[in-house]
Amino acid sequence: MAKILITSGPTRQYLDPVRYLTNASSGRMGAALAQAALDLGHQVVVVSGPVSVTYPAAAQVIDVLTTQQMLEVAHREFQQCDGAIGAAAPCDYQPQQVETEKISKTGKPLQLNLVETPDVVATLGERKRSDQWVVGFALETQDRHFRAIVKLEKKHCDLMVSNGPEAIDSAENQVDLIDTEGQLLEQISGSKLEVARGILDVIDARLIR
């Protein structure tokens, strides 16, 4: 059996001591993947941003806040894992400057200068050993199949799970599984646990040695 790293939930990028950028990711897909992997007898390490969802008790859960923290912890834990599933929705941008004091209202527009955060899945994919694998998630609003293929190649993934924004904070999901040739392997829909089990079945058959 394998030891699998799963990233899950959102991250936060602070503007000042009390305000931050984030998204509505609930962590439900990550929790479902963790349960599905455990049900197959795998070991699971979850690196999670702040969520209210409860992860399976048998999984090792490491909490993080920012995208940089998620990257550092995921990279560290991945070295002892056979594979990784990037189900998290890390914040893609962070303020160029974080204010040390709360930003006060001035009655005028506030301009934020944002820079990209590091890409967690791409970093894992680029640094994986020959005996490791990485599965990514691509959430897109248009040209989903094409954009998923681009992300699969760019992030050095072995499999890409494509879904849409309706998956965010939902109890259900509908995904396409795409291989390294850009071929559609499977379409899976249902509760997130049902979808997670379908994804793990494909991972088990194609990636786990």
C-alpha atoms as a PDB file:
ATOM      1  CA  MET A   1       0.000   0.000   0.000  1.00  0.00           C
ATOM      2  CA  ALA A   2       1.024   3.598  -0.492  1.00  0.00           C
ATOM      3  CA  LYS A   3       1.577   6.628   1.680  1.00  0.00           C
ATOM      4  CA  ILE A   4      -0.344   9.490   0.087  1.00  0.00           C
ATOM      5  CA  LEU A   5      -0.061  13.235   0.685  1.00  0.00           C
ATOM      6  CA  ILE A   6      -3.262  15.212   0.151  1.00  0.00           C
ATOM      7  CA  THR A   7      -3.399  19.011   0.125  1.00  0.00           C
ATOM      8  CA  SER A   8      -6.818  20.367   1.015  1.00  0.00           C
ATOM      9  CA  GLY A   9      -8.810  23.523   1.654  1.00  0.00           C
ATOM     10  CA  PRO A  10      -8.005  27.181   0.998  1.00  0.00           C
ATOM     11  CA  THR A  11      -5.092  29.298   2.127  1.00  0.00           C
ATOM     12  CA  ARG A  12      -5.025  32.881   3.387  1.00  0.00           C
ATOM     13  CA  GLN A  13      -2.814  35.751   2.294  1.00  0.00           C
ATOM     14  CA  TYR A  14      -2.957  38.602   4.774  1.00  0.00           C
ATOM     15  CA  LEU A  15      -3.274  42.268   3.778  1.00  0.00           C
ATOM     16  CA  ASP A  16      -2.871  43.490   7.344  1.00  0.00           C
ATOM     17  CA  PRO A  17      -3.195  41.880  10.803  1.00  0.00           C
ATOM     18  CA  VAL A  18      -6.949  41.263  10.391  1.00  0.00           C
ATOM     19  CA  ARG A  19      -7.781  41.117   6.666  1.00  0.00           C
ATOM     20  CA  TYR A  20      -6.829  38.493   4.120  1.00  0.00           C
ATOM     21  CA  LEU A  21      -7.449  37.147   0.611  1.00  0.00           C
ATOM     22  CA  THR A  22      -8.915  33.647   0.385  1.00  0.00           C
ATOM     23  CA  ASN A  23     -11.553  31.574  -1.423  1.00  0.00           C
ATOM     24  CA  ALA A  24     -14.583  29.439  -0.590  1.00  0.00           C
ATOM     25  CA  SER A  25     -12.872  26.034  -0.697  1.00  0.00           C
ATOM     26  CA  SER A  26     -14.393  23.888   2.061  1.00  0.00           C
ATOM     27  CA  GLY A  27     -11.933  20.985   2.243  1.00  0.00           C
ATOM     28  CA  ARG A  28     -14.745  18.489   1.565  1.00  0.00           C
ATOM     29  CA  MET A  29     -13.029  17.021  -1.502  1.00  0.00           C
ATOM     30  CA  GLY A  30      -9.775  16.614   0.414  1.00  0.00           C
ATOM     31  CA  ALA A  31     -11.573  14.931   3.308  1.00  0.00           C
ATOM     32  CA  ALA A  32     -13.369  12.600   0.895  1.00  0.00           C
ATOM     33  CA  LEU A  33     -10.107  11.694  -0.843  1.00  0.00           C
ATOM     34  CA  ALA A  34      -8.510  10.998   2.521  1.00  0.00           C
ATOM     35  CA  GLN A  35     -11.366   8.668   3.493  1.00  0.00           C
ATOM     36  CA  ALA A  36     -11.311   6.892   0.123  1.00  0.00           C
ATOM     37  CA  ALA A  37      -7.555   6.352   0.367  1.00  0.00           C
ATOM     38  CA  LEU A  38      -7.819   5.044   3.919  1.00  0.00           C
ATOM     39  CA  ASP A  39     -10.620   2.683   2.886  1.00  0.00           C
ATOM     40  CA  LEU A  40      -8.202   1.145   0.376  1.00  0.00           C
ATOM     41  CA  GLY A  41      -5.624   0.604   3.100  1.00  0.00           C
ATOM     42  CA  HIS A  42      -3.313   3.503   2.260  1.00  0.00           C
ATOM     43  CA  GLN A  43      -1.636   5.821   4.761  1.00  0.00           C
ATOM     44  CA  VAL A  44      -2.704   9.455   4.446  1.00  0.00           C
ATOM     45  CA  VAL A  45      -1.104  12.773   5.356  1.00  0.00           C
ATOM     46  CA  VAL A  46      -3.351  15.813   4.890  1.00  0.00           C
ATOM     47  CA  VAL A  47      -1.869  19.308   4.655  1.00  0.00           C
ATOM     48  CA  SER A  48      -4.857  21.575   5.138  1.00  0.00           C
ATOM     49  CA  GLY A  49      -5.646  25.239   5.114  1.00  0.00           C
ATOM     50  CA  PRO A  50      -8.304  26.593   7.525  1.00  0.00           C
ATOM     51  CA  VAL A  51     -11.538  24.606   7.141  1.00  0.00           C
ATOM     52  CA  SER A  52     -14.500  23.582   9.269  1.00  0.00           C
ATOM     53  CA  VAL A  53     -14.693  20.090   7.782  1.00  0.00           C
ATOM     54  CA  THR A  54     -13.561  17.145   9.902  1.00  0.00           C
ATOM     55  CA  TYR A  55     -10.880  14.900   8.419  1.00  0.00           C
ATOM     56  CA  PRO A  56     -10.831  11.143   9.074  1.00  0.00           C
ATOM     57  CA  ALA A  57      -9.335  10.293  12.459  1.00  0.00           C
ATOM     58  CA  ALA A  58      -6.905   7.814  10.886  1.00  0.00           C
ATOM     59  CA  ALA A  59      -5.300  10.506   8.718  1.00  0.00           C
ATOM     60  CA  GLN A  60      -2.376  12.591   9.906  1.00  0.00           C
ATOM     61  CA  VAL A  61      -3.477  16.221   9.548  1.00  0.00           C
ATOM     62  CA  ILE A  62      -1.098  19.189   9.462  1.00  0.00           C
ATOM     63  CA  ASP A  63      -2.711  22.635   9.562  1.00  0.00           C
ATOM     64  CA  VAL A  64      -1.298  25.601   7.662  1.00  0.00           C
ATOM     65  CA  LEU A  65      -2.483  29.130   6.862  1.00  0.00           C
ATOM     66  CA  THR A  66      -0.638  30.591   3.883  1.00  0.00           C
ATOM     67  CA  THR A  67       0.293  29.206   0.478  1.00  0.00           C
ATOM     68  CA  GLN A  68       3.981  29.427   1.371  1.00  0.00           C
ATOM     69  CA  GLN A  69       3.362  27.388   4.524  1.00  0.00           C
ATOM     70  CA  MET A  70       1.407  24.807   2.526  1.00  0.00           C
ATOM     71  CA  LEU A  71       4.258  24.542   0.044  1.00  0.00           C
ATOM     72  CA  GLU A  72       6.933  24.143   2.728  1.00  0.00           C
ATOM     73  CA  VAL A  73       5.016  21.500   4.702  1.00  0.00           C
ATOM     74  CA  ALA A  74       3.844  19.621   1.594  1.00  0.00           C
ATOM     75  CA  HIS A  75       7.365  19.525   0.165  1.00  0.00           C
ATOM     76  CA  ARG A  76       8.744  18.237   3.468  1.00  0.00           C
ATOM     77  CA  GLU A  77       6.089  15.547   3.890  1.00  0.00           C
ATOM     78  CA  PHE A  78       6.182  14.510   0.229  1.00  0.00           C
ATOM     79  CA  GLN A  79       9.719  13.236   0.623  1.00  0.00           C
ATOM     80  CA  GLN A  80       8.367  10.341   2.748  1.00  0.00           C
ATOM     81  CA  CYS A  81       5.323   9.700   0.515  1.00  0.00           C
ATOM     82  CA  ASP A  82       4.715   7.638  -2.604  1.00  0.00           C
ATOM     83  CA  GLY A  83       2.404  10.161  -4.205  1.00  0.00           C
ATOM     84  CA  ALA A  84       0.464  13.378  -3.763  1.00  0.00           C
ATOM     85  CA  ILE A  85      -3.020  14.601  -4.622  1.00  0.00           C
ATOM     86  CA  GLY A  86      -3.306  18.380  -4.861  1.00  0.00           C
ATOM     87  CA  ALA A  87      -6.948  18.963  -3.938  1.00  0.00           C
ATOM     88  CA  ALA A  88      -6.312  22.262  -2.139  1.00  0.00           C
ATOM     89  CA  ALA A  89      -7.235  25.641  -3.591  1.00  0.00           C
ATOM     90  CA  PRO A  90      -4.251  27.743  -2.507  1.00  0.00           C
ATOM     91  CA  CYS A  91      -4.594  31.496  -2.885  1.00  0.00           C
ATOM     92  CA  ASP A  92      -2.876  32.343  -6.194  1.00  0.00           C
ATOM     93  CA  TYR A  93      -1.973  35.917  -5.256  1.00  0.00           C
ATOM     94  CA  GLN A  94      -0.587  37.713  -2.249  1.00  0.00           C
ATOM     95  CA  PRO A  95      -0.129  41.419  -1.526  1.00  0.00           C
ATOM     96  CA  GLN A  96       3.251  42.769  -2.500  1.00  0.00           C
ATOM     97  CA  GLN A  97       3.367  44.415   0.911  1.00  0.00           C
ATOM     98  CA  VAL A  98       1.635  43.310   4.101  1.00  0.00           C
ATOM     99  CA  GLU A  99       0.776  46.199   6.394  1.00  0.00           C
ATOM    100  CA  THR A 100       1.818  45.812  10.027  1.00  0.00           C
ATOM    101  CA  GLU A 101      -1.156  47.860  11.249  1.00  0.00           C
ATOM    102  CA  LYS A 102      -4.829  47.615  10.324  1.00  0.00           C
ATOM    103  CA  ILE A 103      -5.577  49.563   7.140  1.00  0.00           C
ATOM    104  CA  SER A 104      -7.920  52.431   8.022  1.00  0.00           C
ATOM    105  CA  LYS A 105     -10.672  53.826   5.852  1.00  0.00           C
ATOM    106  CA  THR A 106      -9.807  57.085   4.113  1.00  0.00           C
ATOM    107  CA  GLY A 107     -12.868  57.602   1.918  1.00  0.00           C
ATOM    108  CA  LYS A 108     -10.712  56.978  -1.141  1.00  0.00           C
ATOM    109  CA  PRO A 109     -10.154  53.859  -3.299  1.00  0.00           C
ATOM    110  CA  LEU A 110      -7.568  51.430  -1.968  1.00  0.00           C
ATOM    111  CA  GLN A 111      -5.093  50.051  -4.479  1.00  0.00           C
ATOM    112  CA  LEU A 112      -3.609  46.612  -3.856  1.00  0.00           C
ATOM    113  CA  ASN A 113      -0.509  45.426  -5.675  1.00  0.00           C
ATOM    114  CA  LEU A 114      -0.632  41.636  -5.893  1.00  0.00           C
ATOM    115  CA  VAL A 115       2.052  39.141  -6.866  1.00  0.00           C
ATOM    116  CA  GLU A 116       1.710  35.428  -7.568  1.00  0.00           C
ATOM    117  CA  THR A 117       2.215  32.895  -4.802  1.00  0.00           C
ATOM    118  CA  PRO A 118       4.313  29.771  -5.408  1.00  0.00           C
ATOM    119  CA  ASP A 119       2.513  26.864  -7.086  1.00  0.00           C
ATOM    120  CA  VAL A 120       2.346  23.956  -4.626  1.00  0.00           C
ATOM    121  CA  VAL A 121       1.443  21.172  -7.075  1.00  0.00           C
ATOM    122  CA  ALA A 122       3.884  22.382  -9.746  1.00  0.00           C
ATOM    123  CA  THR A 123       6.699  22.380  -7.202  1.00  0.00           C
ATOM    124  CA  LEU A 124       5.883  18.837  -6.076  1.00  0.00           C
ATOM    125  CA  GLY A 125       5.587  17.693  -9.677  1.00  0.00           C
ATOM    126  CA  GLU A 126       8.882  19.248 -10.655  1.00  0.00           C
ATOM    127  CA  ARG A 127      10.741  17.778  -7.673  1.00  0.00           C
ATOM    128  CA  LYS A 128       9.153  14.318  -7.549  1.00  0.00           C
ATOM    129  CA  ARG A 129      11.431  11.296  -7.743  1.00  0.00           C
ATOM    130  CA  SER A 130      11.066   8.705 -10.487  1.00  0.00           C
ATOM    131  CA  ASP A 131       9.194   6.460  -8.053  1.00  0.00           C
ATOM    132  CA  GLN A 132       6.700   9.157  -7.028  1.00  0.00           C
ATOM    133  CA  TRP A 133       3.520  10.471  -8.678  1.00  0.00           C
ATOM    134  CA  VAL A 134       1.458  13.648  -8.486  1.00  0.00           C
ATOM    135  CA  VAL A 135      -2.238  14.136  -9.256  1.00  0.00           C
ATOM    136  CA  GLY A 136      -3.494  17.687  -9.703  1.00  0.00           C
ATOM    137  CA  PHE A 137      -6.882  19.378  -9.711  1.00  0.00           C
ATOM    138  CA  ALA A 138      -7.796  21.991 -12.325  1.00  0.00           C
ATOM    139  CA  LEU A 139     -10.797  24.171 -11.571  1.00  0.00           C
ATOM    140  CA  GLU A 140     -11.720  26.194 -14.646  1.00  0.00           C
ATOM    141  CA  THR A 141     -14.715  28.204 -15.859  1.00  0.00           C
ATOM    142  CA  GLN A 142     -14.056  27.833 -19.604  1.00  0.00           C
ATOM    143  CA  ASP A 143     -12.112  25.579 -22.011  1.00  0.00           C
ATOM    144  CA  ARG A 144     -11.894  23.107 -19.146  1.00  0.00           C
ATOM    145  CA  HIS A 145     -10.365  20.185 -21.034  1.00  0.00           C
ATOM    146  CA  PHE A 146      -7.735  22.264 -22.814  1.00  0.00           C
ATOM    147  CA  ARG A 147      -6.750  24.204 -19.710  1.00  0.00           C
ATOM    148  CA  ALA A 148      -6.537  20.995 -17.679  1.00  0.00           C
ATOM    149  CA  ILE A 149      -4.103  19.528 -20.220  1.00  0.00           C
ATOM    150  CA  VAL A 150      -1.986  22.684 -20.104  1.00  0.00           C
ATOM    151  CA  LYS A 151      -1.868  22.512 -16.311  1.00  0.00           C
ATOM    152  CA  LEU A 152      -1.078  18.799 -16.373  1.00  0.00           C
ATOM    153  CA  GLU A 153       1.993  19.421 -18.548  1.00  0.00           C
ATOM    154  CA  LYS A 154       3.072  22.616 -16.797  1.00  0.00           C
ATOM    155  CA  LYS A 155       2.837  21.077 -13.337  1.00  0.00           C
ATOM    156  CA  HIS A 156       4.456  17.743 -14.301  1.00  0.00           C
ATOM    157  CA  CYS A 157       1.424  15.773 -13.118  1.00  0.00           C
ATOM    158  CA  ASP A 158       0.715  12.114 -13.826  1.00  0.00           C
ATOM    159  CA  LEU A 159      -3.051  12.650 -13.837  1.00  0.00           C
ATOM    160  CA  MET A 160      -5.272  15.731 -13.809  1.00  0.00           C
ATOM    161  CA  VAL A 161      -8.734  16.008 -12.288  1.00  0.00           C
ATOM    162  CA  SER A 162     -10.795  18.673 -14.056  1.00  0.00           C
ATOM    163  CA  ASN A 163     -13.844  20.241 -12.430  1.00  0.00           C
ATOM    164  CA  GLY A 164     -15.785  23.511 -12.376  1.00  0.00           C
ATOM    165  CA  PRO A 165     -16.613  26.259  -9.865  1.00  0.00           C
ATOM    166  CA  GLU A 166     -19.841  24.489  -8.889  1.00  0.00           C
ATOM    167  CA  ALA A 167     -17.637  22.093  -6.897  1.00  0.00           C
ATOM    168  CA  ILE A 168     -16.661  24.794  -4.402  1.00  0.00           C
ATOM    169  CA  ASP A 169     -18.296  24.295  -0.991  1.00  0.00           C
ATOM    170  CA  SER A 170     -20.647  21.695  -2.492  1.00  0.00           C
ATOM    171  CA  ALA A 171     -21.500  18.221  -1.245  1.00  0.00           C
ATOM    172  CA  GLU A 172     -21.274  16.880  -4.803  1.00  0.00           C
ATOM    173  CA  ASN A 173     -18.803  17.052  -7.666  1.00  0.00           C
ATOM    174  CA  GLN A 174     -18.465  16.161 -11.328  1.00  0.00           C
ATOM    175  CA  VAL A 175     -14.962  15.557 -12.641  1.00  0.00           C
ATOM    176  CA  ASP A 176     -13.051  14.475 -15.729  1.00  0.00           C
ATOM    177  CA  LEU A 177      -9.878  12.419 -15.267  1.00  0.00           C
ATOM    178  CA  ILE A 178      -7.217  13.195 -17.877  1.00  0.00           C
ATOM    179  CA  ASP A 179      -3.987  11.272 -18.465  1.00  0.00           C
ATOM    180  CA  THR A 180      -0.572  12.495 -19.611  1.00  0.00           C
ATOM    181  CA  GLU A 181      -1.579  11.992 -23.261  1.00  0.00           C
ATOM    182  CA  GLY A 182      -4.460  14.413 -22.800  1.00  0.00           C
ATOM    183  CA  GLN A 183      -6.990  11.610 -23.095  1.00  0.00           C
ATOM    184  CA  LEU A 184     -10.201  11.538 -21.082  1.00  0.00           C
ATOM    185  CA  LEU A 185     -10.010   8.444 -18.896  1.00  0.00           C
ATOM    186  CA  GLU A 186     -13.236   8.736 -16.954  1.00  0.00           C
ATOM    187  CA  GLN A 187     -16.065  11.078 -16.042  1.00  0.00           C
ATOM    188  CA  ILE A 188     -17.229  10.673 -12.464  1.00  0.00           C
ATOM    189  CA  SER A 189     -20.132  12.396 -10.721  1.00  0.00           C
ATOM    190  CA  GLY A 190     -21.958  12.049  -7.435  1.00  0.00           C
ATOM    191  CA  SER A 191     -21.225  12.838  -3.818  1.00  0.00           C
ATOM    192  CA  LYS A 192     -17.669  13.922  -3.148  1.00  0.00           C
ATOM    193  CA  LEU A 193     -16.997  10.595  -1.430  1.00  0.00           C
ATOM    194  CA  GLU A 194     -18.268   8.711  -4.488  1.00  0.00           C
ATOM    195  CA  VAL A 195     -16.105  10.875  -6.747  1.00  0.00           C
ATOM    196  CA  ALA A 196     -13.117  10.420  -4.452  1.00  0.00           C
ATOM    197  CA  ARG A 197     -13.506   6.648  -4.567  1.00  0.00           C
ATOM    198  CA  GLY A 198     -13.595   6.765  -8.362  1.00  0.00           C
ATOM    199  CA  ILE A 199     -10.436   8.887  -8.448  1.00  0.00           C
ATOM    200  CA  LEU A 200      -8.616   6.553  -6.039  1.00  0.00           C
ATOM    201  CA  ASP A 201      -9.629   3.530  -8.100  1.00  0.00           C
ATOM    202  CA  VAL A 202      -7.918   5.078 -11.141  1.00  0.00           C
ATOM    203  CA  ILE A 203      -4.871   6.073  -9.088  1.00  0.00           C
ATOM    204  CA  ASP A 204      -4.650   2.557  -7.680  1.00  0.00           C
ATOM    205  CA  ALA A 205      -4.838   1.003 -11.137  1.00  0.00           C
ATOM    206  CA  ARG A 206      -2.477   3.362 -12.961  1.00  0.00           C
ATOM    207  CA  LEU A 207      -0.017   4.920 -10.514  1.00  0.00           C
ATOM    208  CA  ILE A 208       0.458   2.839  -7.381  1.00  0.00           C
ATOM    209  CA  ARG A 209       3.144   0.200  -7.840  1.00  0.00           C
END
